C-alpha atoms as a PDB file:
ATOM      1  CA  MET A   1     -29.624  28.773  12.630  1.00  0.00           C
ATOM      2  CA  SER A   2     -33.040  27.216  13.243  1.00  0.00           C
ATOM      3  CA  ARG A   3     -34.246  24.300  11.159  1.00  0.00           C
ATOM      4  CA  ILE A   4     -36.971  26.345   9.471  1.00  0.00           C
ATOM      5  CA  ALA A   5     -34.516  29.146   8.687  1.00  0.00           C
ATOM      6  CA  ALA A   6     -32.114  26.612   7.174  1.00  0.00           C
ATOM      7  CA  MET A   7     -34.889  25.220   4.988  1.00  0.00           C
ATOM      8  CA  LEU A   8     -35.963  28.682   3.837  1.00  0.00           C
ATOM      9  CA  PHE A   9     -32.352  29.608   3.051  1.00  0.00           C
ATOM     10  CA  ALA A  10     -31.933  26.417   1.005  1.00  0.00           C
ATOM     11  CA  ILE A  11     -35.115  27.167  -0.955  1.00  0.00           C
ATOM     12  CA  LEU A  12     -33.948  30.742  -1.630  1.00  0.00           C
ATOM     13  CA  ALA A  13     -30.504  29.567  -2.747  1.00  0.00           C
ATOM     14  CA  TYR A  14     -32.107  26.984  -5.039  1.00  0.00           C
ATOM     15  CA  ALA A  15     -34.481  29.558  -6.560  1.00  0.00           C
ATOM     16  CA  ILE A  16     -31.555  31.894  -7.271  1.00  0.00           C
ATOM     17  CA  PHE A  17     -29.585  29.003  -8.772  1.00  0.00           C
ATOM     18  CA  PHE A  18     -32.457  27.972 -11.040  1.00  0.00           C
ATOM     19  CA  ALA A  19     -32.979  31.521 -12.296  1.00  0.00           C
ATOM     20  CA  THR A  20     -29.217  31.803 -12.924  1.00  0.00           C
ATOM     21  CA  PHE A  21     -29.187  28.473 -14.762  1.00  0.00           C
ATOM     22  CA  LEU A  22     -32.017  29.599 -17.039  1.00  0.00           C
ATOM     23  CA  TYR A  23     -30.211  32.868 -17.738  1.00  0.00           C
ATOM     24  CA  LEU A  24     -27.023  30.925 -18.538  1.00  0.00           C
ATOM     25  CA  ILE A  25     -28.932  29.208 -21.364  1.00  0.00           C
ATOM     26  CA  VAL A  26     -30.067  32.612 -22.646  1.00  0.00           C
ATOM     27  CA  PHE A  27     -26.546  34.019 -22.243  1.00  0.00           C
ATOM     28  CA  VAL A  28     -24.792  31.207 -24.139  1.00  0.00           C
ATOM     29  CA  GLY A  29     -27.505  30.971 -26.809  1.00  0.00           C
ATOM     30  CA  ASP A  30     -27.301  34.741 -27.397  1.00  0.00           C
ATOM     31  CA  PHE A  31     -31.075  35.023 -27.331  1.00  0.00           C
ATOM     32  CA  GLN A  32     -32.202  38.548 -28.086  1.00  0.00           C
ATOM     33  CA  LEU A  33     -34.702  38.669 -25.225  1.00  0.00           C
ATOM     34  CA  ALA A  34     -31.732  39.575 -22.964  1.00  0.00           C
ATOM     35  CA  THR A  35     -29.548  42.673 -23.173  1.00  0.00           C
ATOM     36  CA  LEU A  36     -26.475  40.882 -21.808  1.00  0.00           C
ATOM     37  CA  THR A  37     -25.341  37.728 -23.600  1.00  0.00           C
ATOM     38  CA  VAL A  38     -22.081  36.211 -24.773  1.00  0.00           C
ATOM     39  CA  ASP A  39     -22.322  38.364 -27.938  1.00  0.00           C
ATOM     40  CA  ASN A  40     -24.362  41.310 -26.692  1.00  0.00           C
ATOM     41  CA  GLY A  41     -23.245  43.875 -24.122  1.00  0.00           C
ATOM     42  CA  PRO A  42     -20.718  46.620 -23.505  1.00  0.00           C
ATOM     43  CA  GLY A  43     -17.872  46.274 -25.965  1.00  0.00           C
ATOM     44  CA  GLY A  44     -14.282  47.364 -25.706  1.00  0.00           C
ATOM     45  CA  GLU A  45     -10.825  46.923 -27.122  1.00  0.00           C
ATOM     46  CA  PRO A  46     -10.427  43.185 -27.934  1.00  0.00           C
ATOM     47  CA  ILE A  47      -7.309  42.514 -25.857  1.00  0.00           C
ATOM     48  CA  THR A  48      -8.740  44.299 -22.813  1.00  0.00           C
ATOM     49  CA  ALA A  49     -12.041  42.464 -23.260  1.00  0.00           C
ATOM     50  CA  ALA A  50     -10.240  39.115 -23.508  1.00  0.00           C
ATOM     51  CA  VAL A  51      -8.303  39.779 -20.296  1.00  0.00           C
ATOM     52  CA  ILE A  52     -11.498  40.739 -18.456  1.00  0.00           C
ATOM     53  CA  ASP A  53     -13.395  37.715 -19.797  1.00  0.00           C
ATOM     54  CA  LEU A  54     -10.639  35.249 -18.919  1.00  0.00           C
ATOM     55  CA  GLY A  55     -10.447  36.773 -15.446  1.00  0.00           C
ATOM     56  CA  LEU A  56     -14.194  36.267 -14.985  1.00  0.00           C
ATOM     57  CA  ILE A  57     -13.939  32.618 -16.069  1.00  0.00           C
ATOM     58  CA  ALA A  58     -10.977  32.093 -13.724  1.00  0.00           C
ATOM     59  CA  MET A  59     -12.866  33.635 -10.790  1.00  0.00           C
ATOM     60  CA  PHE A  60     -15.846  31.373 -11.398  1.00  0.00           C
ATOM     61  CA  GLY A  61     -13.596  28.335 -11.781  1.00  0.00           C
ATOM     62  CA  LEU A  62     -11.647  29.025  -8.592  1.00  0.00           C
ATOM     63  CA  GLN A  63     -14.786  29.504  -6.518  1.00  0.00           C
ATOM     64  CA  HIS A  64     -16.453  26.442  -8.003  1.00  0.00           C
ATOM     65  CA  SER A  65     -13.453  24.155  -7.519  1.00  0.00           C
ATOM     66  CA  ILE A  66     -12.038  25.336  -4.192  1.00  0.00           C
ATOM     67  CA  MET A  67     -15.384  25.277  -2.382  1.00  0.00           C
ATOM     68  CA  ALA A  68     -16.081  21.767  -3.709  1.00  0.00           C
ATOM     69  CA  ARG A  69     -12.921  20.218  -2.258  1.00  0.00           C
ATOM     70  CA  GLN A  70     -13.263  18.029   0.818  1.00  0.00           C
ATOM     71  CA  GLY A  71     -10.467  19.790   2.702  1.00  0.00           C
ATOM     72  CA  PHE A  72     -12.148  23.167   2.232  1.00  0.00           C
ATOM     73  CA  LYS A  73     -15.510  21.718   3.255  1.00  0.00           C
ATOM     74  CA  ARG A  74     -14.116  20.363   6.517  1.00  0.00           C
ATOM     75  CA  TRP A  75     -12.761  23.808   7.396  1.00  0.00           C
ATOM     76  CA  TRP A  76     -15.787  25.662   6.021  1.00  0.00           C
ATOM     77  CA  MET A  77     -18.297  23.644   8.063  1.00  0.00           C
ATOM     78  CA  LYS A  78     -16.683  24.915  11.238  1.00  0.00           C
ATOM     79  CA  ILE A  79     -18.131  28.304  10.208  1.00  0.00           C
ATOM     80  CA  VAL A  80     -21.190  27.391   8.142  1.00  0.00           C
ATOM     81  CA  PRO A  81     -23.780  24.957   9.580  1.00  0.00           C
ATOM     82  CA  PRO A  82     -23.526  21.621   7.711  1.00  0.00           C
ATOM     83  CA  PRO A  83     -27.237  21.554   6.686  1.00  0.00           C
ATOM     84  CA  ILE A  84     -26.753  24.699   4.558  1.00  0.00           C
ATOM     85  CA  GLU A  85     -23.135  24.183   3.456  1.00  0.00           C
ATOM     86  CA  ARG A  86     -24.184  22.979   0.010  1.00  0.00           C
ATOM     87  CA  SER A  87     -26.736  25.771  -0.328  1.00  0.00           C
ATOM     88  CA  VAL A  88     -24.056  28.360   0.439  1.00  0.00           C
ATOM     89  CA  TYR A  89     -21.881  26.773  -2.245  1.00  0.00           C
ATOM     90  CA  VAL A  90     -24.746  26.877  -4.760  1.00  0.00           C
ATOM     91  CA  LEU A  91     -25.502  30.495  -3.870  1.00  0.00           C
ATOM     92  CA  ALA A  92     -21.836  31.491  -4.224  1.00  0.00           C
ATOM     93  CA  ALA A  93     -21.662  29.814  -7.650  1.00  0.00           C
ATOM     94  CA  SER A  94     -24.806  31.660  -8.730  1.00  0.00           C
ATOM     95  CA  VAL A  95     -23.330  34.980  -7.584  1.00  0.00           C
ATOM     96  CA  MET A  96     -20.120  34.311  -9.519  1.00  0.00           C
ATOM     97  CA  LEU A  97     -22.089  33.479 -12.661  1.00  0.00           C
ATOM     98  CA  THR A  98     -24.149  36.648 -12.235  1.00  0.00           C
ATOM     99  CA  ILE A  99     -20.933  38.672 -11.997  1.00  0.00           C
ATOM    100  CA  LEU A 100     -19.761  36.995 -15.215  1.00  0.00           C
ATOM    101  CA  PHE A 101     -23.019  37.942 -16.944  1.00  0.00           C
ATOM    102  CA  LEU A 102     -22.785  41.554 -15.813  1.00  0.00           C
ATOM    103  CA  PHE A 103     -19.147  42.203 -16.667  1.00  0.00           C
ATOM    104  CA  TRP A 104     -18.645  39.994 -19.718  1.00  0.00           C
ATOM    105  CA  ARG A 105     -17.216  41.864 -22.699  1.00  0.00           C
ATOM    106  CA  PRO A 106     -18.290  40.550 -26.139  1.00  0.00           C
ATOM    107  CA  ILE A 107     -15.584  40.339 -28.791  1.00  0.00           C
ATOM    108  CA  ASP A 108     -16.661  40.808 -32.404  1.00  0.00           C
ATOM    109  CA  GLY A 109     -15.323  38.755 -35.264  1.00  0.00           C
ATOM    110  CA  ILE A 110     -16.916  35.698 -36.827  1.00  0.00           C
ATOM    111  CA  VAL A 111     -15.115  32.376 -36.531  1.00  0.00           C
ATOM    112  CA  TRP A 112     -17.842  30.488 -38.407  1.00  0.00           C
ATOM    113  CA  SER A 113     -21.409  31.247 -39.405  1.00  0.00           C
ATOM    114  CA  LEU A 114     -24.156  28.973 -40.717  1.00  0.00           C
ATOM    115  CA  ASN A 115     -26.900  31.162 -42.095  1.00  0.00           C
ATOM    116  CA  PRO A 116     -30.344  29.586 -41.542  1.00  0.00           C
ATOM    117  CA  ILE A 117     -31.314  30.547 -45.101  1.00  0.00           C
ATOM    118  CA  THR A 118     -28.266  29.145 -46.917  1.00  0.00           C
ATOM    119  CA  HIS A 119     -27.580  26.261 -44.484  1.00  0.00           C
ATOM    120  CA  PRO A 120     -30.977  25.469 -42.907  1.00  0.00           C
ATOM    121  CA  VAL A 121     -30.274  21.792 -42.111  1.00  0.00           C
ATOM    122  CA  LEU A 122     -26.878  22.393 -40.471  1.00  0.00           C
ATOM    123  CA  ASN A 123     -28.256  25.383 -38.608  1.00  0.00           C
ATOM    124  CA  ASP A 124     -31.127  23.324 -37.209  1.00  0.00           C
ATOM    125  CA  LEU A 125     -28.831  20.421 -36.307  1.00  0.00           C
ATOM    126  CA  ILE A 126     -26.561  22.692 -34.301  1.00  0.00           C
ATOM    127  CA  TRP A 127     -29.526  24.111 -32.393  1.00  0.00           C
ATOM    128  CA  ILE A 128     -30.696  20.561 -31.683  1.00  0.00           C
ATOM    129  CA  VAL A 129     -27.251  19.729 -30.256  1.00  0.00           C
ATOM    130  CA  PHE A 130     -27.418  22.939 -28.175  1.00  0.00           C
ATOM    131  CA  TRP A 131     -30.701  21.906 -26.569  1.00  0.00           C
ATOM    132  CA  ILE A 132     -29.612  18.275 -26.161  1.00  0.00           C
ATOM    133  CA  GLY A 133     -26.615  19.584 -24.203  1.00  0.00           C
ATOM    134  CA  TRP A 134     -28.749  21.524 -21.734  1.00  0.00           C
ATOM    135  CA  LEU A 135     -31.208  18.633 -21.423  1.00  0.00           C
ATOM    136  CA  ALA A 136     -28.297  16.285 -20.659  1.00  0.00           C
ATOM    137  CA  VAL A 137     -27.076  18.678 -17.955  1.00  0.00           C
ATOM    138  CA  LEU A 138     -30.468  18.817 -16.273  1.00  0.00           C
ATOM    139  CA  LEU A 139     -31.224  15.092 -16.550  1.00  0.00           C
ATOM    140  CA  SER A 140     -27.768  14.187 -15.234  1.00  0.00           C
ATOM    141  CA  THR A 141     -28.408  16.148 -12.047  1.00  0.00           C
ATOM    142  CA  PHE A 142     -31.603  14.177 -11.416  1.00  0.00           C
ATOM    143  CA  LEU A 143     -29.844  10.872 -12.093  1.00  0.00           C
ATOM    144  CA  ILE A 144     -27.336  11.579  -9.304  1.00  0.00           C
ATOM    145  CA  ASN A 145     -29.866  13.201  -6.918  1.00  0.00           C
ATOM    146  CA  HIS A 146     -30.754  16.728  -8.046  1.00  0.00           C
ATOM    147  CA  PHE A 147     -31.997  17.907  -4.659  1.00  0.00           C
ATOM    148  CA  GLU A 148     -28.918  16.720  -2.776  1.00  0.00           C
ATOM    149  CA  LEU A 149     -26.651  18.283  -5.401  1.00  0.00           C
ATOM    150  CA  PHE A 150     -28.247  21.690  -4.885  1.00  0.00           C
ATOM    151  CA  GLY A 151     -28.645  21.609  -1.119  1.00  0.00           C
ATOM    152  CA  LEU A 152     -32.385  21.099  -0.649  1.00  0.00           C
ATOM    153  CA  GLN A 153     -32.153  17.519   0.613  1.00  0.00           C
ATOM    154  CA  GLN A 154     -29.650  18.406   3.343  1.00  0.00           C
ATOM    155  CA  ALA A 155     -31.886  21.167   4.711  1.00  0.00           C
ATOM    156  CA  TRP A 156     -34.995  18.967   4.432  1.00  0.00           C
ATOM    157  CA  TYR A 157     -33.370  16.109   6.330  1.00  0.00           C
ATOM    158  CA  HIS A 158     -32.231  18.596   8.978  1.00  0.00           C
ATOM    159  CA  LEU A 159     -35.791  19.915   9.282  1.00  0.00           C
ATOM    160  CA  ARG A 160     -37.137  16.385   9.662  1.00  0.00           C
ATOM    161  CA  SER A 161     -34.298  15.225  11.977  1.00  0.00           C
ATOM    162  CA  HIS A 162     -33.473  12.556   9.433  1.00  0.00           C
ATOM    163  CA  GLU A 163     -29.980  11.168   8.921  1.00  0.00           C
ATOM    164  CA  ALA A 164     -28.740  10.998   5.338  1.00  0.00           C
ATOM    165  CA  GLU A 165     -27.706   7.601   4.048  1.00  0.00           C
ATOM    166  CA  PRO A 166     -24.011   7.053   3.261  1.00  0.00           C
ATOM    167  CA  PRO A 167     -23.077   7.810  -0.372  1.00  0.00           C
ATOM    168  CA  ARG A 168     -23.672   4.826  -2.623  1.00  0.00           C
ATOM    169  CA  PHE A 169     -21.771   4.263  -5.848  1.00  0.00           C
ATOM    170  CA  HIS A 170     -24.060   3.589  -8.809  1.00  0.00           C
ATOM    171  CA  GLN A 171     -24.142   4.299 -12.551  1.00  0.00           C
ATOM    172  CA  PRO A 172     -27.663   5.242 -13.675  1.00  0.00           C
ATOM    173  CA  LEU A 173     -28.511   5.576 -17.388  1.00  0.00           C
ATOM    174  CA  PHE A 174     -26.003   8.034 -18.976  1.00  0.00           C
ATOM    175  CA  TYR A 175     -23.385   7.149 -16.372  1.00  0.00           C
ATOM    176  CA  LYS A 176     -23.134   3.639 -17.795  1.00  0.00           C
ATOM    177  CA  TYR A 177     -21.563   5.103 -20.947  1.00  0.00           C
ATOM    178  CA  VAL A 178     -19.668   8.231 -19.842  1.00  0.00           C
ATOM    179  CA  ARG A 179     -18.384   9.137 -16.399  1.00  0.00           C
ATOM    180  CA  HIS A 180     -19.378  12.800 -16.628  1.00  0.00           C
ATOM    181  CA  PRO A 181     -22.509  13.244 -18.761  1.00  0.00           C
ATOM    182  CA  LEU A 182     -23.270  16.508 -16.954  1.00  0.00           C
ATOM    183  CA  TYR A 183     -19.986  18.010 -18.127  1.00  0.00           C
ATOM    184  CA  LEU A 184     -20.484  16.505 -21.589  1.00  0.00           C
ATOM    185  CA  GLY A 185     -23.794  18.367 -21.736  1.00  0.00           C
ATOM    186  CA  PHE A 186     -22.008  21.630 -20.967  1.00  0.00           C
ATOM    187  CA  PHE A 187     -19.477  20.934 -23.721  1.00  0.00           C
ATOM    188  CA  LEU A 188     -22.270  20.427 -26.253  1.00  0.00           C
ATOM    189  CA  ALA A 189     -24.152  23.525 -25.110  1.00  0.00           C
ATOM    190  CA  PHE A 190     -21.085  25.796 -25.085  1.00  0.00           C
ATOM    191  CA  TRP A 191     -19.772  24.761 -28.507  1.00  0.00           C
ATOM    192  CA  ALA A 192     -23.021  24.278 -30.454  1.00  0.00           C
ATOM    193  CA  ALA A 193     -23.328  27.728 -31.997  1.00  0.00           C
ATOM    194  CA  PRO A 194     -24.563  28.341 -35.557  1.00  0.00           C
ATOM    195  CA  GLU A 195     -22.617  31.591 -35.421  1.00  0.00           C
ATOM    196  CA  MET A 196     -19.405  31.435 -33.408  1.00  0.00           C
ATOM    197  CA  THR A 197     -17.859  34.775 -32.564  1.00  0.00           C
ATOM    198  CA  ILE A 198     -14.413  35.300 -31.080  1.00  0.00           C
ATOM    199  CA  GLY A 199     -16.040  36.167 -27.750  1.00  0.00           C
ATOM    200  CA  HIS A 200     -18.181  33.018 -27.764  1.00  0.00           C
ATOM    201  CA  LEU A 201     -15.133  30.950 -28.737  1.00  0.00           C
ATOM    202  CA  LEU A 202     -13.212  32.436 -25.799  1.00  0.00           C
ATOM    203  CA  PHE A 203     -16.105  31.602 -23.457  1.00  0.00           C
ATOM    204  CA  ALA A 204     -16.444  28.031 -24.764  1.00  0.00           C
ATOM    205  CA  ALA A 205     -12.692  27.376 -24.661  1.00  0.00           C
ATOM    206  CA  GLY A 206     -12.258  28.943 -21.220  1.00  0.00           C
ATOM    207  CA  MET A 207     -15.169  27.109 -19.623  1.00  0.00           C
ATOM    208  CA  SER A 208     -14.160  23.838 -21.309  1.00  0.00           C
ATOM    209  CA  THR A 209     -10.638  24.189 -19.910  1.00  0.00           C
ATOM    210  CA  TYR A 210     -12.099  24.749 -16.449  1.00  0.00           C
ATOM    211  CA  VAL A 211     -14.306  21.648 -16.840  1.00  0.00           C
ATOM    212  CA  LEU A 212     -11.321  19.467 -17.738  1.00  0.00           C
ATOM    213  CA  ILE A 213      -9.420  20.746 -14.700  1.00  0.00           C
ATOM    214  CA  ALA A 214     -12.479  20.274 -12.460  1.00  0.00           C
ATOM    215  CA  ILE A 215     -12.903  16.668 -13.615  1.00  0.00           C
ATOM    216  CA  ARG A 216      -9.382  15.835 -12.498  1.00  0.00           C
ATOM    217  CA  TYR A 217     -10.002  17.090  -8.950  1.00  0.00           C
ATOM    218  CA  GLU A 218     -13.518  15.672  -8.787  1.00  0.00           C
ATOM    219  CA  GLU A 219     -12.299  12.212  -9.745  1.00  0.00           C
ATOM    220  CA  HIS A 220      -9.605  12.408  -7.069  1.00  0.00           C
ATOM    221  CA  ASP A 221     -12.368  13.032  -4.508  1.00  0.00           C
ATOM    222  CA  LEU A 222     -14.500  10.211  -5.946  1.00  0.00           C
ATOM    223  CA  ILE A 223     -11.615   7.751  -5.679  1.00  0.00           C
ATOM    224  CA  SER A 224     -11.099   8.817  -2.061  1.00  0.00           C
ATOM    225  CA  LEU A 225     -14.807   8.269  -1.420  1.00  0.00           C
ATOM    226  CA  PHE A 226     -15.486   5.050  -3.346  1.00  0.00           C
ATOM    227  CA  GLY A 227     -11.993   3.573  -3.677  1.00  0.00           C
ATOM    228  CA  ARG A 228     -11.482   0.592  -5.965  1.00  0.00           C
ATOM    229  CA  ASP A 229     -15.077   0.681  -7.228  1.00  0.00           C
ATOM    230  CA  TYR A 230     -14.496   4.045  -8.868  1.00  0.00           C
ATOM    231  CA  GLU A 231     -11.054   3.064 -10.149  1.00  0.00           C
ATOM    232  CA  LEU A 232     -12.576   0.071 -11.968  1.00  0.00           C
ATOM    233  CA  TYR A 233     -15.376   2.281 -13.269  1.00  0.00           C
ATOM    234  CA  ARG A 234     -12.824   4.760 -14.607  1.00  0.00           C
ATOM    235  CA  GLU A 235     -10.958   1.985 -16.402  1.00  0.00           C
ATOM    236  CA  ARG A 236     -14.158   0.719 -17.999  1.00  0.00           C
ATOM    237  CA  VAL A 237     -16.074   3.896 -18.893  1.00  0.00           C
ATOM    238  CA  GLY A 238     -14.895   6.904 -20.912  1.00  0.00           C
ATOM    239  CA  MET A 239     -14.622  10.327 -19.296  1.00  0.00           C
ATOM    240  CA  LEU A 240     -16.682  12.384 -21.768  1.00  0.00           C
ATOM    241  CA  THR A 241     -17.177   9.979 -24.660  1.00  0.00           C
ATOM    242  CA  PRO A 242     -18.232   6.315 -24.696  1.00  0.00           C
ATOM    243  CA  ARG A 243     -15.373   3.852 -24.624  1.00  0.00           C
ATOM    244  CA  PHE A 244     -15.882   0.950 -26.970  1.00  0.00           C
ATOM    245  CA  ARG A 245     -13.718  -2.124 -26.543  1.00  0.00           C
ATOM    246  CA  ARG A 246     -13.234  -5.071 -28.816  1.00  0.00           C
ATOM    247  CA  ARG A 247     -14.730  -8.289 -27.661  1.00  0.00           C
ATOM    248  CA  GLN A 248     -12.113 -10.641 -26.403  1.00  0.00           C
ATOM    249  CA  ALA A 249     -12.099 -14.130 -27.830  1.00  0.00           C
END
């Protein structure tokens, strides 16, 4: 693949990712401007719908985790050129999310509901948490190098014949307080629902379970990469919530 073709592929993969990310916000927020959301779409018998939905979450989780592992990457880059390896990963994740959007089966039944008329303050607070979650996700990606995370930097460096610098361990802003603010943002966004249906609860619980599993494997890779520095960081900083320690005399 030529350098220009690699750059164009990376841009296309990023554009598809960004559109998918925006639709994920619409999907989880159940905004009525879309015909397919977590609570709007083709229905079905609840047990069948639950099996389908859990299968979709599992498929997304397997793709997302397996392709992110270092062992898979070493094998995969014998087939896929290294400058676009990350872009292929991003594109595959976007495709899996799109499949989830298309085949998701809503499940009726209200777990909790905060009517904006009878509970206006609580309703507004939950929506604020929802948007804070998505903002935390986006800001976290920029704090750890947004363009490298989504494959554009690799293709750009390849185009410019520039060697990437070795990974450097640092803890910018949010990362001083929690080790995974990006995942924390997803937790907030998935669970902050003024009206929680059974289908939305299944989505939030399933994706949260995947996140907890993904963190375990991701931290294993980070320890392999950064060694004792990351081990000390893990002892000092909470995984998804700040860790407060008493001052020692």
